[in-house]
């Protein structure tokens, strides 16, 4: 039987946990909803992009003015950071 694909398991780093808690509650709910849609494979491709220069690959999810950086490891979605757009370069430097 071919049902819907199984959602990916979400794994958060300490940085990602701390970042999400620092986001204002109303915006955090939108970011979390986008993360869950990503895990279920129901996110438009315009909201994600592969970043160059990282091995293993890092992907960026755009959720309003916030960026969520993640890696896909098999059946897991490893959330690395969730930052406000002006802070994204600093966050990416910390992931190198």
N, C-alpha and C. Protein backbone atom coordinates (compact mmCIF):
# COMPACT_ATOMS: atom_id res chain seq x y z
N UNK A 1 0.84 -1.18 0.00
CA UNK A 1 0.00 0.00 0.00
C UNK A 1 0.88 1.24 0.00
N UNK A 2 0.55 2.22 -0.75
CA UNK A 2 1.43 3.37 -0.87
C UNK A 2 0.97 4.55 -0.05
N UNK A 3 0.56 4.70 0.99
CA UNK A 3 0.02 5.86 1.68
C UNK A 3 0.92 7.08 1.59
N UNK A 4 0.66 8.03 2.40
CA UNK A 4 1.45 9.26 2.42
C UNK A 4 2.85 8.95 2.94
N UNK A 5 3.86 9.68 2.45
CA UNK A 5 5.21 9.43 2.95
C UNK A 5 5.32 9.74 4.43
N UNK A 6 6.16 8.98 5.10
CA UNK A 6 6.36 9.17 6.53
C UNK A 6 7.11 10.47 6.79
N UNK A 7 6.67 11.27 7.77
CA UNK A 7 7.39 12.51 8.06
C UNK A 7 8.78 12.22 8.61
N UNK A 8 9.69 13.13 8.37
CA UNK A 8 11.04 13.00 8.89
C UNK A 8 11.04 13.29 10.39
N UNK A 9 11.95 12.65 11.10
CA UNK A 9 12.08 12.89 12.54
C UNK A 9 12.86 14.20 12.74
N UNK A 10 12.35 15.08 13.59
CA UNK A 10 13.01 16.35 13.86
C UNK A 10 13.99 16.20 15.01
N UNK A 11 15.22 16.66 14.80
CA UNK A 11 16.24 16.68 15.83
C UNK A 11 16.77 18.10 15.89
N UNK A 12 16.77 18.70 17.09
CA UNK A 12 17.23 20.08 17.25
C UNK A 12 18.54 20.12 18.01
N UNK A 13 19.46 20.94 17.52
CA UNK A 13 20.68 21.18 18.28
C UNK A 13 20.35 22.14 19.42
N UNK A 14 21.26 22.29 20.35
CA UNK A 14 21.03 23.25 21.44
C UNK A 14 20.87 24.66 20.91
N UNK A 15 21.68 25.00 19.91
CA UNK A 15 21.55 26.33 19.31
C UNK A 15 20.17 26.54 18.73
N UNK A 16 19.66 25.54 18.01
CA UNK A 16 18.32 25.67 17.41
C UNK A 16 17.25 25.80 18.48
N UNK A 17 17.35 25.03 19.57
CA UNK A 17 16.39 25.13 20.66
C UNK A 17 16.40 26.53 21.25
N UNK A 18 17.60 27.04 21.52
CA UNK A 18 17.73 28.38 22.10
C UNK A 18 17.23 29.45 21.14
N UNK A 19 17.57 29.29 19.86
CA UNK A 19 17.12 30.26 18.84
C UNK A 19 15.60 30.31 18.76
N UNK A 20 14.95 29.15 18.73
CA UNK A 20 13.49 29.11 18.62
C UNK A 20 12.83 29.75 19.83
N UNK A 21 13.38 29.53 21.02
CA UNK A 21 12.79 30.13 22.23
C UNK A 21 12.96 31.64 22.25
N UNK A 22 13.96 32.16 21.54
CA UNK A 22 14.21 33.60 21.51
C UNK A 22 13.29 34.34 20.53
N UNK A 23 12.63 33.60 19.64
CA UNK A 23 11.74 34.22 18.66
C UNK A 23 10.42 34.57 19.35
N UNK A 24 9.86 35.76 19.08
CA UNK A 24 8.56 36.11 19.68
C UNK A 24 7.51 35.04 19.39
N UNK A 25 6.64 34.79 20.36
CA UNK A 25 5.69 33.68 20.32
C UNK A 25 4.85 33.61 19.04
N UNK A 26 4.29 34.73 18.59
CA UNK A 26 3.44 34.68 17.39
C UNK A 26 4.24 34.29 16.15
N UNK A 27 5.45 34.79 16.04
CA UNK A 27 6.31 34.46 14.90
C UNK A 27 6.82 33.03 15.04
N UNK A 28 7.13 32.62 16.26
CA UNK A 28 7.63 31.26 16.51
C UNK A 28 6.61 30.22 16.03
N UNK A 29 5.33 30.48 16.22
CA UNK A 29 4.31 29.54 15.78
C UNK A 29 4.35 29.34 14.26
N UNK A 30 4.57 30.43 13.52
CA UNK A 30 4.67 30.33 12.06
C UNK A 30 5.92 29.55 11.66
N UNK A 31 7.05 29.85 12.31
CA UNK A 31 8.30 29.15 12.00
C UNK A 31 8.14 27.65 12.29
N UNK A 32 7.55 27.32 13.45
CA UNK A 32 7.34 25.92 13.79
C UNK A 32 6.41 25.23 12.79
N UNK A 33 5.38 25.92 12.35
CA UNK A 33 4.47 25.34 11.35
C UNK A 33 5.21 25.05 10.05
N UNK A 34 6.09 25.97 9.63
CA UNK A 34 6.87 25.75 8.41
C UNK A 34 7.83 24.58 8.58
N UNK A 35 8.43 24.44 9.76
CA UNK A 35 9.34 23.32 10.03
C UNK A 35 8.57 22.00 9.95
N UNK A 36 7.39 21.97 10.52
CA UNK A 36 6.58 20.74 10.47
C UNK A 36 6.15 20.41 9.04
N UNK A 37 5.81 21.43 8.26
CA UNK A 37 5.46 21.19 6.85
C UNK A 37 6.67 20.67 6.08
N UNK A 38 7.84 21.18 6.41
CA UNK A 38 9.08 20.70 5.78
C UNK A 38 9.29 19.22 6.11
N UNK A 39 9.10 18.85 7.36
CA UNK A 39 9.29 17.46 7.78
C UNK A 39 8.30 16.53 7.08
N UNK A 40 7.12 17.03 6.78
CA UNK A 40 6.09 16.22 6.10
C UNK A 40 6.23 16.26 4.58
N UNK A 41 7.15 17.09 4.08
CA UNK A 41 7.35 17.19 2.63
C UNK A 41 6.28 18.00 1.94
N UNK A 42 5.64 18.91 2.65
CA UNK A 42 4.55 19.71 2.08
C UNK A 42 4.87 21.19 2.02
N UNK A 43 6.11 21.51 1.76
CA UNK A 43 6.54 22.89 1.71
C UNK A 43 6.85 23.26 0.27
N UNK A 44 6.45 24.43 -0.20
CA UNK A 44 6.77 24.81 -1.58
C UNK A 44 8.30 24.92 -1.76
N UNK A 45 8.80 24.50 -2.90
CA UNK A 45 10.24 24.53 -3.13
C UNK A 45 10.83 25.94 -3.09
N UNK A 46 10.00 26.96 -3.22
CA UNK A 46 10.52 28.33 -3.18
C UNK A 46 10.95 28.73 -1.77
N UNK A 47 10.57 27.96 -0.75
CA UNK A 47 10.93 28.30 0.63
C UNK A 47 12.22 27.63 1.08
N UNK A 48 12.81 26.75 0.28
CA UNK A 48 14.04 26.07 0.68
C UNK A 48 15.09 26.23 -0.41
N UNK A 49 16.34 26.27 0.03
CA UNK A 49 17.43 26.27 -0.95
C UNK A 49 18.66 25.66 -0.32
N UNK A 50 19.46 25.03 -1.18
CA UNK A 50 20.70 24.39 -0.75
C UNK A 50 21.78 25.46 -0.74
N UNK A 51 22.54 25.51 0.35
CA UNK A 51 23.62 26.49 0.46
C UNK A 51 24.92 25.87 -0.05
N UNK A 52 25.70 26.66 -0.74
CA UNK A 52 26.95 26.19 -1.33
C UNK A 52 28.10 26.33 -0.34
N UNK A 53 29.07 25.45 -0.44
CA UNK A 53 30.27 25.55 0.36
C UNK A 53 30.23 24.79 1.67
N UNK A 54 29.24 23.94 1.87
CA UNK A 54 29.12 23.17 3.10
C UNK A 54 29.14 21.68 2.76
N UNK A 55 29.92 20.94 3.52
CA UNK A 55 29.95 19.50 3.36
C UNK A 55 29.94 18.86 4.74
N UNK A 56 28.92 18.12 5.10
CA UNK A 56 27.73 17.79 4.34
C UNK A 56 26.85 19.02 4.11
N UNK A 57 25.94 18.88 3.18
CA UNK A 57 25.13 20.01 2.72
C UNK A 57 24.27 20.60 3.84
N UNK A 58 24.13 21.91 3.79
CA UNK A 58 23.21 22.64 4.67
C UNK A 58 22.16 23.28 3.79
N UNK A 59 20.92 23.21 4.25
CA UNK A 59 19.79 23.79 3.54
C UNK A 59 19.22 24.94 4.35
N UNK A 60 18.57 25.88 3.67
CA UNK A 60 17.95 27.03 4.33
C UNK A 60 16.46 27.02 4.06
N UNK A 61 15.69 27.11 5.14
CA UNK A 61 14.24 27.26 5.07
C UNK A 61 13.94 28.72 5.37
N UNK A 62 13.19 29.37 4.49
CA UNK A 62 12.78 30.76 4.71
C UNK A 62 11.37 30.77 5.27
N UNK A 63 11.24 31.42 6.43
CA UNK A 63 9.94 31.54 7.09
C UNK A 63 9.78 33.00 7.48
N UNK A 64 9.18 33.79 6.60
CA UNK A 64 9.05 35.23 6.86
C UNK A 64 10.44 35.86 6.91
N UNK A 65 10.73 36.57 8.00
CA UNK A 65 12.03 37.21 8.15
C UNK A 65 13.02 36.34 8.92
N UNK A 66 12.69 35.07 9.08
CA UNK A 66 13.56 34.14 9.79
C UNK A 66 14.09 33.08 8.84
N UNK A 67 15.29 32.59 9.14
CA UNK A 67 15.94 31.56 8.36
C UNK A 67 16.25 30.39 9.28
N UNK A 68 15.89 29.20 8.84
CA UNK A 68 16.18 27.99 9.59
C UNK A 68 17.18 27.19 8.77
N UNK A 69 18.32 26.88 9.38
CA UNK A 69 19.36 26.11 8.70
C UNK A 69 19.28 24.67 9.20
N UNK A 70 19.34 23.74 8.26
CA UNK A 70 19.17 22.34 8.63
C UNK A 70 19.96 21.42 7.70
N UNK A 71 20.14 20.19 8.16
CA UNK A 71 20.73 19.12 7.36
C UNK A 71 19.74 17.96 7.34
N UNK A 72 19.71 17.26 6.25
CA UNK A 72 18.89 16.05 6.17
C UNK A 72 19.83 14.87 6.28
N UNK A 73 19.63 14.08 7.32
CA UNK A 73 20.47 12.91 7.58
C UNK A 73 19.59 11.67 7.56
N UNK A 74 19.48 11.04 6.41
CA UNK A 74 18.62 9.86 6.28
C UNK A 74 17.17 10.24 6.52
N UNK A 75 16.59 9.66 7.56
CA UNK A 75 15.19 9.93 7.91
C UNK A 75 15.07 11.02 8.98
N UNK A 76 16.17 11.73 9.25
CA UNK A 76 16.16 12.80 10.26
C UNK A 76 16.35 14.15 9.61
N UNK A 77 15.74 15.14 10.21
CA UNK A 77 15.93 16.53 9.83
C UNK A 77 16.62 17.19 11.01
N UNK A 78 17.90 17.50 10.87
CA UNK A 78 18.68 18.09 11.96
C UNK A 78 18.63 19.60 11.84
N UNK A 79 17.91 20.25 12.75
CA UNK A 79 17.81 21.71 12.75
C UNK A 79 19.02 22.28 13.46
N UNK A 80 19.78 23.11 12.75
CA UNK A 80 21.02 23.66 13.27
C UNK A 80 20.83 25.01 13.93
N UNK A 81 20.15 25.93 13.26
CA UNK A 81 19.93 27.29 13.77
C UNK A 81 18.61 27.82 13.23
N UNK A 82 18.04 28.79 13.94
CA UNK A 82 16.83 29.51 13.50
C UNK A 82 17.07 30.97 13.88
N UNK A 83 17.37 31.80 12.88
CA UNK A 83 17.80 33.17 13.16
C UNK A 83 17.03 34.19 12.33
N UNK A 84 17.03 35.42 12.83
CA UNK A 84 16.46 36.55 12.12
C UNK A 84 17.35 36.83 10.91
N UNK A 85 16.78 37.24 9.81
CA UNK A 85 17.53 37.41 8.57
C UNK A 85 18.80 38.24 8.72
N UNK A 86 18.80 39.38 9.44
CA UNK A 86 20.04 40.15 9.54
C UNK A 86 21.18 39.38 10.24
N UNK A 87 20.87 38.35 10.97
CA UNK A 87 21.89 37.58 11.71
C UNK A 87 22.33 36.32 10.97
N UNK A 88 21.82 36.10 9.76
CA UNK A 88 22.09 34.83 9.09
C UNK A 88 23.56 34.62 8.74
N UNK A 89 24.27 35.66 8.33
CA UNK A 89 25.69 35.48 7.99
C UNK A 89 26.52 35.06 9.20
N UNK A 90 26.26 35.68 10.33
CA UNK A 90 26.97 35.31 11.55
C UNK A 90 26.67 33.87 11.94
N UNK A 91 25.42 33.48 11.81
CA UNK A 91 25.03 32.10 12.15
C UNK A 91 25.68 31.10 11.20
N UNK A 92 25.75 31.44 9.92
CA UNK A 92 26.37 30.53 8.95
C UNK A 92 27.88 30.39 9.20
N UNK A 93 28.52 31.47 9.61
CA UNK A 93 29.95 31.36 9.92
C UNK A 93 30.19 30.40 11.07
N UNK A 94 29.26 30.37 12.02
CA UNK A 94 29.43 29.46 13.16
C UNK A 94 29.22 28.00 12.77
N UNK A 95 28.62 27.75 11.60
CA UNK A 95 28.37 26.38 11.16
C UNK A 95 29.49 25.83 10.30
N UNK A 96 30.44 26.61 9.93
CA UNK A 96 31.56 26.14 9.07
C UNK A 96 32.49 25.27 9.86
